[in-house]
Amino acid sequence: MKTVLVFNRNGLGDAPESLQQTLAVKYLSLAAQSEEKPAQIVFYANGVKLVCEGSLVLQWLKLLEAAGVELIVCSTCLEYFGLTDKVRVGKVGGMPGILAALQAAEKVISL
């Protein structure tokens, strides 16, 4: 089943930012070690901060990408936050790529 994960926050859930990031580290570390991986992970809004320099989840995202998971990062959001030169993992694209990933997914999980 083609699953797409969506990160639109700088972490997981609606909680204080430090807890969001702690939860994201736990979730992505488990996902990286799992047999069943998502086909794609999309990042937009504050979620783009997860793929940038200094992110606590970079090592797990790199492992997921190396395992064949496509990471799609919103270029408009990166520009908005001034992070275009801070991206350390993933493929920078636009909303058309994110839309295509979501439309082709059999299951979308918004984190």
N, C-alpha and C. Protein backbone atom coordinates (compact mmCIF):
# COMPACT_ATOMS: atom_id res chain seq x y z
N MET A 1 0.84 -1.18 0.00
CA MET A 1 0.00 0.00 0.00
C MET A 1 0.88 1.24 0.00
N LYS A 2 0.60 2.17 -0.90
CA LYS A 2 1.39 3.40 -0.99
C LYS A 2 0.91 4.40 0.06
N THR A 3 1.75 4.57 1.09
CA THR A 3 1.44 5.48 2.18
C THR A 3 2.30 6.73 2.07
N VAL A 4 1.67 7.88 2.29
CA VAL A 4 2.37 9.17 2.31
C VAL A 4 2.17 9.79 3.68
N LEU A 5 3.28 10.17 4.31
CA LEU A 5 3.24 10.90 5.58
C LEU A 5 3.31 12.39 5.30
N VAL A 6 2.59 13.17 6.09
CA VAL A 6 2.58 14.63 5.93
C VAL A 6 3.04 15.28 7.23
N PHE A 7 4.08 16.09 7.11
CA PHE A 7 4.54 16.90 8.24
C PHE A 7 4.29 18.36 7.89
N ASN A 8 3.41 19.02 8.64
CA ASN A 8 3.18 20.45 8.43
C ASN A 8 3.49 21.25 9.69
N ARG A 9 4.09 20.57 10.66
CA ARG A 9 4.57 21.21 11.88
C ARG A 9 6.05 20.86 12.05
N ASN A 10 6.71 21.60 12.90
CA ASN A 10 8.13 21.33 13.21
C ASN A 10 8.18 20.26 14.29
N GLY A 11 7.52 19.15 14.03
CA GLY A 11 7.43 18.05 14.97
C GLY A 11 6.14 17.30 14.76
N LEU A 12 5.67 16.67 15.82
CA LEU A 12 4.49 15.81 15.74
C LEU A 12 3.41 16.31 16.69
N GLY A 13 2.20 16.46 16.18
CA GLY A 13 1.06 16.79 17.01
C GLY A 13 0.96 18.25 17.39
N ASP A 14 -0.08 18.53 18.18
CA ASP A 14 -0.35 19.89 18.65
C ASP A 14 0.04 19.96 20.12
N ALA A 15 1.31 20.28 20.35
CA ALA A 15 1.88 20.31 21.69
C ALA A 15 2.98 21.35 21.71
N PRO A 16 3.57 21.61 22.88
CA PRO A 16 4.72 22.51 22.90
C PRO A 16 5.80 22.00 21.94
N GLU A 17 6.54 22.92 21.33
CA GLU A 17 7.48 22.56 20.27
C GLU A 17 8.51 21.51 20.71
N SER A 18 8.99 21.59 21.94
CA SER A 18 9.98 20.60 22.39
C SER A 18 9.37 19.20 22.43
N LEU A 19 8.12 19.08 22.84
CA LEU A 19 7.45 17.78 22.85
C LEU A 19 7.17 17.31 21.42
N GLN A 20 6.77 18.23 20.55
CA GLN A 20 6.56 17.88 19.13
C GLN A 20 7.82 17.27 18.54
N GLN A 21 8.96 17.86 18.82
CA GLN A 21 10.22 17.37 18.25
C GLN A 21 10.63 16.04 18.87
N THR A 22 10.42 15.88 20.17
CA THR A 22 10.71 14.60 20.82
C THR A 22 9.87 13.49 20.21
N LEU A 23 8.59 13.76 19.98
CA LEU A 23 7.71 12.77 19.37
C LEU A 23 8.12 12.46 17.94
N ALA A 24 8.55 13.47 17.20
CA ALA A 24 8.99 13.26 15.82
C ALA A 24 10.23 12.37 15.78
N VAL A 25 11.16 12.59 16.70
CA VAL A 25 12.37 11.76 16.77
C VAL A 25 11.96 10.31 17.02
N LYS A 26 11.08 10.09 17.98
CA LYS A 26 10.66 8.71 18.29
C LYS A 26 9.95 8.08 17.10
N TYR A 27 9.03 8.81 16.50
CA TYR A 27 8.25 8.27 15.38
C TYR A 27 9.15 7.93 14.19
N LEU A 28 9.99 8.87 13.80
CA LEU A 28 10.82 8.66 12.61
C LEU A 28 11.92 7.62 12.85
N SER A 29 12.41 7.51 14.08
CA SER A 29 13.39 6.47 14.36
C SER A 29 12.74 5.09 14.23
N LEU A 30 11.53 4.97 14.71
CA LEU A 30 10.80 3.70 14.57
C LEU A 30 10.46 3.42 13.11
N ALA A 31 10.06 4.44 12.38
CA ALA A 31 9.73 4.28 10.96
C ALA A 31 10.97 3.85 10.17
N ALA A 32 12.12 4.41 10.50
CA ALA A 32 13.36 4.07 9.80
C ALA A 32 13.77 2.62 10.05
N GLN A 33 13.42 2.10 11.21
CA GLN A 33 13.78 0.74 11.58
C GLN A 33 12.70 -0.29 11.22
N SER A 34 11.56 0.20 10.78
CA SER A 34 10.43 -0.67 10.45
C SER A 34 10.61 -1.34 9.10
N GLU A 35 10.07 -2.53 8.97
CA GLU A 35 10.08 -3.24 7.68
C GLU A 35 9.23 -2.49 6.66
N GLU A 36 8.08 -2.00 7.10
CA GLU A 36 7.14 -1.32 6.21
C GLU A 36 7.34 0.19 6.31
N LYS A 37 7.86 0.76 5.23
CA LYS A 37 8.15 2.19 5.22
C LYS A 37 7.14 2.92 4.32
N PRO A 38 6.93 4.21 4.57
CA PRO A 38 6.08 4.98 3.67
C PRO A 38 6.75 5.13 2.31
N ALA A 39 5.96 5.36 1.28
CA ALA A 39 6.52 5.60 -0.05
C ALA A 39 7.13 7.00 -0.12
N GLN A 40 6.44 7.94 0.51
CA GLN A 40 6.88 9.34 0.46
C GLN A 40 6.56 10.03 1.78
N ILE A 41 7.32 11.07 2.06
CA ILE A 41 7.02 11.97 3.18
C ILE A 41 7.06 13.38 2.60
N VAL A 42 6.01 14.15 2.84
CA VAL A 42 5.97 15.53 2.34
C VAL A 42 6.07 16.48 3.53
N PHE A 43 6.75 17.59 3.28
CA PHE A 43 7.00 18.60 4.31
C PHE A 43 6.55 19.95 3.76
N TYR A 44 5.66 20.61 4.49
CA TYR A 44 5.27 21.97 4.12
C TYR A 44 4.97 22.77 5.38
N ALA A 45 4.73 24.06 5.23
CA ALA A 45 4.56 24.99 6.35
C ALA A 45 5.75 24.82 7.30
N ASN A 46 5.53 24.80 8.61
CA ASN A 46 6.63 24.65 9.57
C ASN A 46 7.33 23.31 9.47
N GLY A 47 6.71 22.35 8.82
CA GLY A 47 7.31 21.02 8.66
C GLY A 47 8.61 21.04 7.89
N VAL A 48 8.84 22.05 7.05
CA VAL A 48 10.09 22.11 6.29
C VAL A 48 11.31 22.26 7.20
N LYS A 49 11.10 22.74 8.40
CA LYS A 49 12.22 22.92 9.33
C LYS A 49 12.82 21.58 9.73
N LEU A 50 12.07 20.50 9.59
CA LEU A 50 12.56 19.18 9.96
C LEU A 50 13.67 18.68 9.03
N VAL A 51 13.73 19.18 7.81
CA VAL A 51 14.75 18.72 6.85
C VAL A 51 15.96 19.65 6.80
N CYS A 52 15.98 20.63 7.67
CA CYS A 52 17.03 21.65 7.62
C CYS A 52 18.09 21.45 8.70
N GLU A 53 19.21 22.08 8.45
CA GLU A 53 20.34 22.08 9.38
C GLU A 53 19.87 22.31 10.81
N GLY A 54 20.34 21.47 11.72
CA GLY A 54 19.99 21.62 13.13
C GLY A 54 18.79 20.80 13.58
N SER A 55 18.09 20.20 12.63
CA SER A 55 16.91 19.39 12.98
C SER A 55 17.33 18.15 13.75
N LEU A 56 16.53 17.79 14.74
CA LEU A 56 16.81 16.61 15.55
C LEU A 56 16.51 15.30 14.83
N VAL A 57 15.82 15.37 13.70
CA VAL A 57 15.40 14.14 12.99
C VAL A 57 16.20 13.88 11.71
N LEU A 58 17.22 14.66 11.44
CA LEU A 58 17.97 14.52 10.19
C LEU A 58 18.52 13.10 9.99
N GLN A 59 19.10 12.51 11.01
CA GLN A 59 19.70 11.19 10.83
C GLN A 59 18.64 10.16 10.43
N TRP A 60 17.44 10.28 10.98
CA TRP A 60 16.38 9.32 10.66
C TRP A 60 15.84 9.57 9.26
N LEU A 61 15.72 10.84 8.89
CA LEU A 61 15.26 11.15 7.54
C LEU A 61 16.27 10.68 6.50
N LYS A 62 17.55 10.82 6.79
CA LYS A 62 18.58 10.35 5.86
C LYS A 62 18.51 8.83 5.70
N LEU A 63 18.26 8.11 6.79
CA LEU A 63 18.11 6.66 6.71
C LEU A 63 16.88 6.27 5.88
N LEU A 64 15.79 6.97 6.09
CA LEU A 64 14.57 6.70 5.32
C LEU A 64 14.80 6.98 3.84
N GLU A 65 15.46 8.08 3.53
CA GLU A 65 15.74 8.42 2.14
C GLU A 65 16.65 7.36 1.51
N ALA A 66 17.65 6.92 2.24
CA ALA A 66 18.57 5.88 1.74
C ALA A 66 17.84 4.56 1.50
N ALA A 67 16.75 4.35 2.24
CA ALA A 67 15.96 3.13 2.09
C ALA A 67 14.92 3.24 0.97
N GLY A 68 14.92 4.38 0.25
CA GLY A 68 14.03 4.54 -0.89
C GLY A 68 12.80 5.38 -0.65
N VAL A 69 12.66 5.97 0.54
CA VAL A 69 11.52 6.84 0.82
C VAL A 69 11.80 8.21 0.19
N GLU A 70 10.87 8.68 -0.63
CA GLU A 70 11.03 9.99 -1.27
C GLU A 70 10.58 11.08 -0.31
N LEU A 71 11.45 12.06 -0.07
CA LEU A 71 11.14 13.18 0.80
C LEU A 71 10.93 14.41 -0.07
N ILE A 72 9.73 14.97 -0.03
CA ILE A 72 9.37 16.12 -0.86
C ILE A 72 9.19 17.34 0.03
N VAL A 73 9.94 18.40 -0.27
CA VAL A 73 9.98 19.59 0.57
C VAL A 73 9.45 20.80 -0.21
N CYS A 74 8.55 21.54 0.38
CA CYS A 74 7.92 22.70 -0.28
C CYS A 74 8.91 23.86 -0.43
N SER A 75 9.18 24.23 -1.66
CA SER A 75 10.12 25.33 -1.93
C SER A 75 9.55 26.68 -1.48
N THR A 76 8.26 26.89 -1.63
CA THR A 76 7.63 28.15 -1.21
C THR A 76 7.80 28.35 0.29
N CYS A 77 7.62 27.28 1.05
CA CYS A 77 7.76 27.36 2.51
C CYS A 77 9.21 27.62 2.92
N LEU A 78 10.14 26.95 2.24
CA LEU A 78 11.56 27.19 2.52
C LEU A 78 11.92 28.65 2.27
N GLU A 79 11.44 29.19 1.17
CA GLU A 79 11.71 30.60 0.85
C GLU A 79 11.09 31.52 1.90
N TYR A 80 9.88 31.22 2.30
CA TYR A 80 9.18 32.04 3.30
C TYR A 80 9.98 32.14 4.60
N PHE A 81 10.52 31.00 5.05
CA PHE A 81 11.28 30.97 6.30
C PHE A 81 12.76 31.29 6.11
N GLY A 82 13.19 31.54 4.88
CA GLY A 82 14.60 31.84 4.62
C GLY A 82 15.51 30.65 4.86
N LEU A 83 15.03 29.45 4.53
CA LEU A 83 15.76 28.22 4.81
C LEU A 83 16.26 27.49 3.57
N THR A 84 16.15 28.09 2.42
CA THR A 84 16.49 27.41 1.17
C THR A 84 17.91 26.83 1.19
N ASP A 85 18.85 27.55 1.77
CA ASP A 85 20.24 27.07 1.80
C ASP A 85 20.55 26.19 3.01
N LYS A 86 19.55 25.88 3.83
CA LYS A 86 19.74 25.07 5.03
C LYS A 86 19.24 23.63 4.88
N VAL A 87 18.69 23.28 3.72
CA VAL A 87 18.15 21.93 3.50
C VAL A 87 19.28 20.92 3.50
N ARG A 88 19.11 19.84 4.27
CA ARG A 88 20.14 18.81 4.38
C ARG A 88 19.68 17.44 3.91
N VAL A 89 18.41 17.30 3.59
CA VAL A 89 17.89 16.02 3.12
C VAL A 89 16.61 16.29 2.34
N GLY A 90 16.31 15.41 1.39
CA GLY A 90 15.07 15.53 0.63
C GLY A 90 15.23 16.23 -0.70
N LYS A 91 14.13 16.26 -1.42
CA LYS A 91 14.08 16.87 -2.74
C LYS A 91 13.17 18.09 -2.65
N VAL A 92 13.75 19.25 -2.96
CA VAL A 92 12.97 20.49 -2.92
C VAL A 92 12.10 20.54 -4.17
N GLY A 93 10.82 20.74 -3.95
CA GLY A 93 9.86 20.83 -5.04
C GLY A 93 8.77 21.80 -4.66
N GLY A 94 7.78 21.87 -5.49
CA GLY A 94 6.69 22.79 -5.23
C GLY A 94 5.42 22.06 -4.83
N MET A 95 4.38 22.82 -4.70
CA MET A 95 3.09 22.27 -4.34
C MET A 95 2.57 21.28 -5.38
N PRO A 96 2.89 21.43 -6.68
CA PRO A 96 2.45 20.42 -7.63
C PRO A 96 2.95 19.01 -7.28
N GLY A 97 4.20 18.90 -6.83
CA GLY A 97 4.74 17.60 -6.44
C GLY A 97 4.07 17.05 -5.20
N ILE A 98 3.77 17.92 -4.26
CA ILE A 98 3.08 17.50 -3.04
C ILE A 98 1.66 17.05 -3.38
N LEU A 99 0.99 17.81 -4.22
CA LEU A 99 -0.37 17.45 -4.64
C LEU A 99 -0.37 16.10 -5.36
N ALA A 100 0.57 15.89 -6.25
CA ALA A 100 0.65 14.63 -6.99
C ALA A 100 0.88 13.46 -6.04
N ALA A 101 1.75 13.64 -5.05
CA ALA A 101 2.02 12.57 -4.08
C ALA A 101 0.77 12.23 -3.29
N LEU A 102 0.05 13.24 -2.86
CA LEU A 102 -1.16 13.01 -2.07
C LEU A 102 -2.26 12.36 -2.90
N GLN A 103 -2.40 12.78 -4.15
CA GLN A 103 -3.44 12.21 -5.01
C GLN A 103 -3.15 10.76 -5.38
N ALA A 104 -1.88 10.40 -5.49
CA ALA A 104 -1.52 9.03 -5.89
C ALA A 104 -1.47 8.08 -4.69
N ALA A 105 -1.55 8.61 -3.49
CA ALA A 105 -1.43 7.79 -2.28
C ALA A 105 -2.69 6.94 -2.07
N GLU A 106 -2.46 5.75 -1.55
CA GLU A 106 -3.57 4.92 -1.11
C GLU A 106 -3.97 5.28 0.31
N LYS A 107 -2.99 5.78 1.07
CA LYS A 107 -3.24 6.19 2.46
C LYS A 107 -2.37 7.40 2.76
N VAL A 108 -2.97 8.43 3.36
CA VAL A 108 -2.25 9.64 3.77
C VAL A 108 -2.38 9.76 5.28
N ILE A 109 -1.23 9.92 5.93
CA ILE A 109 -1.21 10.10 7.39
C ILE A 109 -0.64 11.48 7.68
N SER A 110 -1.46 12.33 8.27
CA SER A 110 -1.02 13.68 8.63
C SER A 110 -0.56 13.67 10.07
N LEU A 111 0.71 14.04 10.25
CA LEU A 111 1.29 14.00 11.59
C LEU A 111 1.41 15.42 12.12
